[in-house]
Protein backbone atom coordinates (compact mmCIF):
# COMPACT_ATOMS: atom_id res chain seq x y z
CA MET A 1 0.00 0.00 0.00
CA ALA A 2 1.28 3.47 -0.82
CA VAL A 3 2.24 5.96 1.85
CA VAL A 4 -0.43 8.62 2.42
CA THR A 5 0.53 12.25 3.02
CA ILE A 6 -1.50 13.23 6.07
CA THR A 7 -2.79 16.78 6.48
CA LYS A 8 -5.23 18.29 8.93
CA GLU A 9 -7.79 18.18 6.09
CA ASN A 10 -7.60 14.39 5.56
CA PHE A 11 -6.57 13.36 9.10
CA GLU A 12 -10.06 12.36 10.22
CA ASN A 13 -10.81 10.18 7.18
CA GLU A 14 -7.32 8.68 6.76
CA VAL A 15 -6.44 8.14 10.43
CA LEU A 16 -9.35 8.44 12.84
CA LYS A 17 -11.81 6.56 10.62
CA SER A 18 -9.29 3.98 9.39
CA ASP A 19 -10.35 0.38 9.84
CA LYS A 20 -6.65 -0.59 10.00
CA PRO A 21 -3.92 0.48 12.43
CA VAL A 22 -2.10 3.57 11.12
CA LEU A 23 1.64 4.16 11.43
CA LEU A 24 2.27 7.91 11.42
CA ASP A 25 5.73 9.25 10.63
CA PHE A 26 6.25 12.84 11.80
CA TRP A 27 9.20 14.25 9.83
CA ALA A 28 10.80 17.30 8.18
CA THR A 29 12.98 17.77 5.11
CA TRP A 30 15.87 19.22 7.18
CA CYS A 31 15.93 16.30 9.65
CA GLY A 32 18.81 13.85 9.07
CA PRO A 33 17.44 10.99 11.22
CA CYS A 34 14.07 11.41 9.43
CA ARG A 35 15.82 10.71 6.12
CA MET A 36 17.21 7.50 7.64
CA VAL A 37 13.80 6.32 8.86
CA SER A 38 11.80 7.34 5.78
CA PRO A 39 12.92 4.49 3.45
CA ILE A 40 12.23 1.96 6.24
CA VAL A 41 8.72 3.35 6.69
CA ASP A 42 8.19 3.19 2.91
CA GLU A 43 9.36 -0.44 2.91
CA ILE A 44 6.92 -1.34 5.70
CA ALA A 45 4.11 0.35 3.75
CA ASN A 46 4.90 -1.78 0.71
CA GLU A 47 5.14 -5.02 2.70
CA ARG A 48 2.11 -4.76 4.95
CA ASP A 49 -1.46 -4.65 3.67
CA ASP A 50 -2.89 -4.90 7.18
CA ILE A 51 -1.81 -1.36 8.15
CA LYS A 52 -1.95 2.13 6.71
CA VAL A 53 1.16 4.32 6.69
CA GLY A 54 0.98 8.09 6.76
CA LYS A 55 3.63 10.80 6.79
CA ILE A 56 3.14 14.18 8.41
CA ASN A 57 5.52 17.02 7.56
CA VAL A 58 5.83 18.95 10.85
CA ASP A 59 6.75 22.19 9.07
CA GLU A 60 3.56 22.09 6.98
CA GLN A 61 1.22 20.57 9.57
CA GLY A 62 1.89 22.52 12.76
CA GLU A 63 -1.61 21.93 14.06
CA LEU A 64 -1.22 18.13 13.96
CA SER A 65 2.27 18.40 15.45
CA MET A 66 0.85 20.37 18.37
CA GLN A 67 -2.08 17.99 18.75
CA PHE A 68 0.35 15.08 19.20
CA ARG A 69 2.83 17.17 21.23
CA ILE A 70 5.69 16.48 18.82
CA VAL A 71 8.90 17.95 20.23
CA SER A 72 11.52 15.76 18.52
CA ILE A 73 11.51 14.13 15.13
CA PRO A 74 11.31 11.60 13.73
CA THR A 75 8.39 10.56 15.90
CA LEU A 76 6.45 7.43 14.99
CA ILE A 77 2.93 6.99 16.33
CA VAL A 78 0.69 3.97 15.91
CA MET A 79 -3.03 4.79 15.91
CA LYS A 80 -5.63 2.09 16.49
CA ASN A 81 -9.35 2.87 16.49
CA GLY A 82 -8.61 6.61 16.59
CA GLU A 83 -6.42 6.32 19.70
CA VAL A 84 -2.65 6.44 20.18
CA ALA A 85 -1.60 2.83 20.72
CA ASN A 86 2.17 3.32 20.64
CA LYS A 87 4.76 6.05 20.20
CA ALA A 88 8.52 6.21 19.70
CA VAL A 89 10.93 9.07 19.12
CA GLY A 90 14.15 8.94 17.14
CA ALA A 91 15.64 6.86 14.35
CA MET A 92 15.34 3.12 14.88
CA PRO A 93 15.83 -0.09 12.94
CA LYS A 94 13.00 -1.77 11.05
CA GLU A 95 12.52 -4.46 13.71
CA GLU A 96 11.78 -1.84 16.37
CA ILE A 97 9.31 -0.06 14.11
CA LEU A 98 7.55 -3.36 13.42
CA ASN A 99 7.44 -4.03 17.19
CA LEU A 100 5.55 -0.73 17.64
CA LEU A 101 2.82 -2.13 15.44
CA GLY A 102 2.42 -5.08 17.79
C-alpha cells in the first residue's frame, strides 16, 4: 500500500476513521534521522497490507504536530481505532518499528 501524506484536512478520514492500524511518521525535510527512517517506513508500507502508513511534515502541519505534542523528530505513532496505541521518538531499525505495530 502506498504511503499517504497526512494533512489536517484528511486526518479524520485517513487516520481516525481507518479500519486498519495507522503508522504515522512525523518528519521534516531538514531532519537527518528522518531521512534515515523514511525508506524503512516506505518499505513497511509496501510489505504490509494490514496497516496504513501516513507521513506528516511537521513544518507544513503545525496543528497536527501540536495535537500530538511532537517535540523531537522523527516521531512514529501507531493509531488504532482513533487512539494512540504506541509512540517512539528517534531513528530506529526496522525491527523496532515493526514491534511498535504489535
